[in-house]
Amino acid sequence: MGNNSEEIKDVGLKRIADRNKYKSKPSVSREKNTGMAKIPKSGTAENVTLETGPDFRNMSRMHNDISTSHIRDYRWLAIASIICGISCIGISALINSVKVQERRESDPEKAQVYSGNARKLSFIAIAVWVGLLILIPMLMALLSYLFTLQD
């Protein structure tokens, strides 16, 4: 049994040595977690580690997965701001909301900006409407009081 496993190891080492003998350039293997590349020196068994930049292909996929799941389009808030707020500001909020949905996958940074704009415009439209609902009756009451004092 022991003899057989040693023969298998020897055959495996011979195949690796034969494979490395015919290569003209040293092989580069990328370690998964460290972002370091190992380049074996010819003639020695020692590996030299070189620091490389981050793997942008994997980062972009991870960035898209992370960022697109957290981007909200505030569609219903924009619709509510059209109905229960100043409609011209609410329409611009709805336009920004639609742009968020269009750019969510292709350009997450721009989609995040549009999302913030849609939210901000929706709140402004509702706040202005509520302000007008409170301010107009208060001004009417103040004017009627002033007219009664004048008489």
C-alpha atoms as a PDB file:
ATOM      1  CA  MET A   1       0.000   0.000   0.000  1.00  0.00           C
ATOM      2  CA  GLY A   2       2.707   2.489   1.038  1.00  0.00           C
ATOM      3  CA  ASN A   3       4.676   1.701  -2.115  1.00  0.00           C
ATOM      4  CA  ASN A   4       1.702   2.333  -4.365  1.00  0.00           C
ATOM      5  CA  SER A   5       0.940   5.802  -2.924  1.00  0.00           C
ATOM      6  CA  GLU A   6       4.618   6.789  -3.233  1.00  0.00           C
ATOM      7  CA  GLU A   7       4.540   5.815  -6.914  1.00  0.00           C
ATOM      8  CA  ILE A   8       1.424   7.943  -7.447  1.00  0.00           C
ATOM      9  CA  LYS A   9       3.135  10.924  -5.798  1.00  0.00           C
ATOM     10  CA  ASP A  10       6.251  10.419  -7.934  1.00  0.00           C
ATOM     11  CA  VAL A  11       4.182  10.261 -11.127  1.00  0.00           C
ATOM     12  CA  GLY A  12       2.313  13.422 -10.117  1.00  0.00           C
ATOM     13  CA  LEU A  13       5.557  15.273  -9.383  1.00  0.00           C
ATOM     14  CA  LYS A  14       7.007  14.148 -12.714  1.00  0.00           C
ATOM     15  CA  ARG A  15       3.977  15.483 -14.568  1.00  0.00           C
ATOM     16  CA  ILE A  16       4.261  18.841 -12.798  1.00  0.00           C
ATOM     17  CA  ALA A  17       7.989  19.003 -13.556  1.00  0.00           C
ATOM     18  CA  ASP A  18       7.389  18.114 -17.220  1.00  0.00           C
ATOM     19  CA  ARG A  19       4.669  20.737 -17.502  1.00  0.00           C
ATOM     20  CA  ASN A  20       6.913  23.447 -15.990  1.00  0.00           C
ATOM     21  CA  LYS A  21       9.875  22.427 -18.172  1.00  0.00           C
ATOM     22  CA  TYR A  22       8.094  23.401 -21.411  1.00  0.00           C
ATOM     23  CA  LYS A  23       6.787  26.743 -20.225  1.00  0.00           C
ATOM     24  CA  SER A  24       8.692  29.751 -21.486  1.00  0.00           C
ATOM     25  CA  LYS A  25       7.282  32.255 -18.970  1.00  0.00           C
ATOM     26  CA  PRO A  26       6.892  31.742 -15.247  1.00  0.00           C
ATOM     27  CA  SER A  27       3.349  30.961 -14.202  1.00  0.00           C
ATOM     28  CA  VAL A  28       1.418  33.498 -12.178  1.00  0.00           C
ATOM     29  CA  SER A  29      -1.223  32.299  -9.745  1.00  0.00           C
ATOM     30  CA  ARG A  30      -3.564  34.734  -7.998  1.00  0.00           C
ATOM     31  CA  GLU A  31      -4.441  34.095  -4.399  1.00  0.00           C
ATOM     32  CA  LYS A  32      -8.129  34.665  -3.753  1.00  0.00           C
ATOM     33  CA  ASN A  33      -8.237  36.662  -0.541  1.00  0.00           C
ATOM     34  CA  THR A  34      -4.962  38.572  -0.490  1.00  0.00           C
ATOM     35  CA  GLY A  35      -4.816  40.080  -3.972  1.00  0.00           C
ATOM     36  CA  MET A  36      -1.187  38.909  -4.217  1.00  0.00           C
ATOM     37  CA  ALA A  37       0.395  37.166  -7.177  1.00  0.00           C
ATOM     38  CA  LYS A  38       2.961  34.397  -6.786  1.00  0.00           C
ATOM     39  CA  ILE A  39       5.634  34.074  -9.454  1.00  0.00           C
ATOM     40  CA  PRO A  40       7.874  31.051  -9.080  1.00  0.00           C
ATOM     41  CA  LYS A  41      11.580  31.658  -9.775  1.00  0.00           C
ATOM     42  CA  SER A  42      13.117  29.395 -12.353  1.00  0.00           C
ATOM     43  CA  GLY A  43      15.363  26.801 -10.834  1.00  0.00           C
ATOM     44  CA  THR A  44      14.207  27.273  -7.235  1.00  0.00           C
ATOM     45  CA  ALA A  45      11.219  26.149  -5.274  1.00  0.00           C
ATOM     46  CA  GLU A  46      10.842  29.541  -3.587  1.00  0.00           C
ATOM     47  CA  ASN A  47       7.920  31.810  -4.475  1.00  0.00           C
ATOM     48  CA  VAL A  48       8.118  35.584  -4.583  1.00  0.00           C
ATOM     49  CA  THR A  49       4.948  37.509  -3.767  1.00  0.00           C
ATOM     50  CA  LEU A  50       4.268  40.705  -5.636  1.00  0.00           C
ATOM     51  CA  GLU A  51       1.552  43.092  -4.569  1.00  0.00           C
ATOM     52  CA  THR A  52      -0.933  43.750  -7.312  1.00  0.00           C
ATOM     53  CA  GLY A  53      -3.914  46.051  -7.498  1.00  0.00           C
ATOM     54  CA  PRO A  54      -7.409  44.894  -6.683  1.00  0.00           C
ATOM     55  CA  ASP A  55      -9.206  42.652  -9.114  1.00  0.00           C
ATOM     56  CA  PHE A  56     -11.578  45.169 -10.678  1.00  0.00           C
ATOM     57  CA  ARG A  57     -13.645  42.565 -12.497  1.00  0.00           C
ATOM     58  CA  ASN A  58     -14.753  40.967  -9.233  1.00  0.00           C
ATOM     59  CA  MET A  59     -15.094  44.323  -7.475  1.00  0.00           C
ATOM     60  CA  SER A  60     -17.466  45.654 -10.107  1.00  0.00           C
ATOM     61  CA  ARG A  61     -19.670  42.603  -9.798  1.00  0.00           C
ATOM     62  CA  MET A  62     -19.655  42.840  -6.014  1.00  0.00           C
ATOM     63  CA  HIS A  63     -20.248  46.591  -6.189  1.00  0.00           C
ATOM     64  CA  ASN A  64     -23.234  46.142  -8.496  1.00  0.00           C
ATOM     65  CA  ASP A  65     -24.707  43.398  -6.314  1.00  0.00           C
ATOM     66  CA  ILE A  66     -24.364  45.449  -3.152  1.00  0.00           C
ATOM     67  CA  SER A  67     -25.376  48.834  -4.447  1.00  0.00           C
ATOM     68  CA  THR A  68     -28.358  47.882  -6.624  1.00  0.00           C
ATOM     69  CA  SER A  69     -30.092  46.097  -3.770  1.00  0.00           C
ATOM     70  CA  HIS A  70     -30.007  49.262  -1.626  1.00  0.00           C
ATOM     71  CA  ILE A  71     -31.094  51.848  -4.186  1.00  0.00           C
ATOM     72  CA  ARG A  72     -34.738  52.842  -3.742  1.00  0.00           C
ATOM     73  CA  ASP A  73     -36.669  54.605  -6.461  1.00  0.00           C
ATOM     74  CA  TYR A  74     -39.297  56.301  -4.224  1.00  0.00           C
ATOM     75  CA  ARG A  75     -41.913  55.800  -6.936  1.00  0.00           C
ATOM     76  CA  TRP A  76     -44.892  55.769  -4.561  1.00  0.00           C
ATOM     77  CA  LEU A  77     -43.622  58.779  -2.668  1.00  0.00           C
ATOM     78  CA  ALA A  78     -43.317  60.682  -5.956  1.00  0.00           C
ATOM     79  CA  ILE A  79     -46.864  59.694  -6.937  1.00  0.00           C
ATOM     80  CA  ALA A  80     -48.139  60.749  -3.523  1.00  0.00           C
ATOM     81  CA  SER A  81     -46.373  64.084  -3.924  1.00  0.00           C
ATOM     82  CA  ILE A  82     -48.189  64.626  -7.223  1.00  0.00           C
ATOM     83  CA  ILE A  83     -51.572  63.863  -5.646  1.00  0.00           C
ATOM     84  CA  CYS A  84     -51.064  65.345  -2.169  1.00  0.00           C
ATOM     85  CA  GLY A  85     -48.504  68.015  -2.950  1.00  0.00           C
ATOM     86  CA  ILE A  86     -47.490  70.569  -5.517  1.00  0.00           C
ATOM     87  CA  SER A  87     -47.890  68.580  -8.713  1.00  0.00           C
ATOM     88  CA  CYS A  88     -45.179  70.278 -10.803  1.00  0.00           C
ATOM     89  CA  ILE A  89     -42.532  69.432  -8.184  1.00  0.00           C
ATOM     90  CA  GLY A  90     -44.045  65.953  -7.808  1.00  0.00           C
ATOM     91  CA  ILE A  91     -43.763  65.342 -11.553  1.00  0.00           C
ATOM     92  CA  SER A  92     -40.054  66.166 -11.474  1.00  0.00           C
ATOM     93  CA  ALA A  93     -39.738  63.755  -8.523  1.00  0.00           C
ATOM     94  CA  LEU A  94     -41.479  61.074 -10.587  1.00  0.00           C
ATOM     95  CA  ILE A  95     -39.116  61.716 -13.514  1.00  0.00           C
ATOM     96  CA  ASN A  96     -36.141  61.236 -11.197  1.00  0.00           C
ATOM     97  CA  SER A  97     -37.756  58.087  -9.857  1.00  0.00           C
ATOM     98  CA  VAL A  98     -38.056  56.638 -13.361  1.00  0.00           C
ATOM     99  CA  LYS A  99     -34.402  57.516 -14.048  1.00  0.00           C
ATOM    100  CA  VAL A 100     -33.425  55.560 -10.930  1.00  0.00           C
ATOM    101  CA  GLN A 101     -35.117  52.447 -12.267  1.00  0.00           C
ATOM    102  CA  GLU A 102     -33.499  52.852 -15.694  1.00  0.00           C
ATOM    103  CA  ARG A 103     -29.966  53.334 -14.368  1.00  0.00           C
ATOM    104  CA  ARG A 104     -30.060  50.962 -11.397  1.00  0.00           C
ATOM    105  CA  GLU A 105     -28.103  48.218 -13.175  1.00  0.00           C
ATOM    106  CA  SER A 106     -25.999  50.212 -15.632  1.00  0.00           C
ATOM    107  CA  ASP A 107     -24.814  53.147 -13.485  1.00  0.00           C
ATOM    108  CA  PRO A 108     -25.486  52.658  -9.752  1.00  0.00           C
ATOM    109  CA  GLU A 109     -23.726  55.869  -8.703  1.00  0.00           C
ATOM    110  CA  LYS A 110     -25.938  58.016 -10.930  1.00  0.00           C
ATOM    111  CA  ALA A 111     -28.988  56.023  -9.850  1.00  0.00           C
ATOM    112  CA  GLN A 112     -28.151  56.834  -6.217  1.00  0.00           C
ATOM    113  CA  VAL A 113     -28.045  60.554  -7.088  1.00  0.00           C
ATOM    114  CA  TYR A 114     -31.413  60.362  -8.862  1.00  0.00           C
ATOM    115  CA  SER A 115     -32.846  58.462  -5.905  1.00  0.00           C
ATOM    116  CA  GLY A 116     -31.813  61.227  -3.514  1.00  0.00           C
ATOM    117  CA  ASN A 117     -33.255  63.859  -5.843  1.00  0.00           C
ATOM    118  CA  ALA A 118     -36.573  61.999  -6.132  1.00  0.00           C
ATOM    119  CA  ARG A 119     -36.849  61.717  -2.354  1.00  0.00           C
ATOM    120  CA  LYS A 120     -35.889  65.341  -1.777  1.00  0.00           C
ATOM    121  CA  LEU A 121     -38.298  66.695  -4.398  1.00  0.00           C
ATOM    122  CA  SER A 122     -41.133  64.541  -3.071  1.00  0.00           C
ATOM    123  CA  PHE A 123     -40.666  65.844   0.458  1.00  0.00           C
ATOM    124  CA  ILE A 124     -40.413  69.424  -0.798  1.00  0.00           C
ATOM    125  CA  ALA A 125     -43.653  69.085  -2.777  1.00  0.00           C
ATOM    126  CA  ILE A 126     -45.537  67.654   0.200  1.00  0.00           C
ATOM    127  CA  ALA A 127     -44.032  70.168   2.650  1.00  0.00           C
ATOM    128  CA  VAL A 128     -44.922  73.147   0.451  1.00  0.00           C
ATOM    129  CA  TRP A 129     -48.472  71.841   0.056  1.00  0.00           C
ATOM    130  CA  VAL A 130     -48.896  71.300   3.809  1.00  0.00           C
ATOM    131  CA  GLY A 131     -47.357  74.720   4.421  1.00  0.00           C
ATOM    132  CA  LEU A 132     -49.842  76.331   2.053  1.00  0.00           C
ATOM    133  CA  LEU A 133     -52.723  74.444   3.656  1.00  0.00           C
ATOM    134  CA  ILE A 134     -51.738  75.854   7.038  1.00  0.00           C
ATOM    135  CA  LEU A 135     -50.572  79.290   5.905  1.00  0.00           C
ATOM    136  CA  ILE A 136     -53.578  80.312   3.755  1.00  0.00           C
ATOM    137  CA  PRO A 137     -56.224  79.820   6.497  1.00  0.00           C
ATOM    138  CA  MET A 138     -53.978  81.573   9.016  1.00  0.00           C
ATOM    139  CA  LEU A 139     -53.571  84.553   6.677  1.00  0.00           C
ATOM    140  CA  MET A 140     -57.345  84.649   6.065  1.00  0.00           C
ATOM    141  CA  ALA A 141     -57.988  84.668   9.815  1.00  0.00           C
ATOM    142  CA  LEU A 142     -55.406  87.415  10.330  1.00  0.00           C
ATOM    143  CA  LEU A 143     -56.895  89.561   7.553  1.00  0.00           C
ATOM    144  CA  SER A 144     -60.425  89.157   8.870  1.00  0.00           C
ATOM    145  CA  TYR A 145     -59.251  90.102  12.367  1.00  0.00           C
ATOM    146  CA  LEU A 146     -57.466  93.200  10.993  1.00  0.00           C
ATOM    147  CA  PHE A 147     -60.603  94.247   9.072  1.00  0.00           C
ATOM    148  CA  THR A 148     -62.732  93.915  12.192  1.00  0.00           C
ATOM    149  CA  LEU A 149     -60.290  96.080  14.136  1.00  0.00           C
ATOM    150  CA  GLN A 150     -60.345  98.737  11.436  1.00  0.00           C
ATOM    151  CA  ASP A 151     -64.115  99.117  11.579  1.00  0.00           C
END
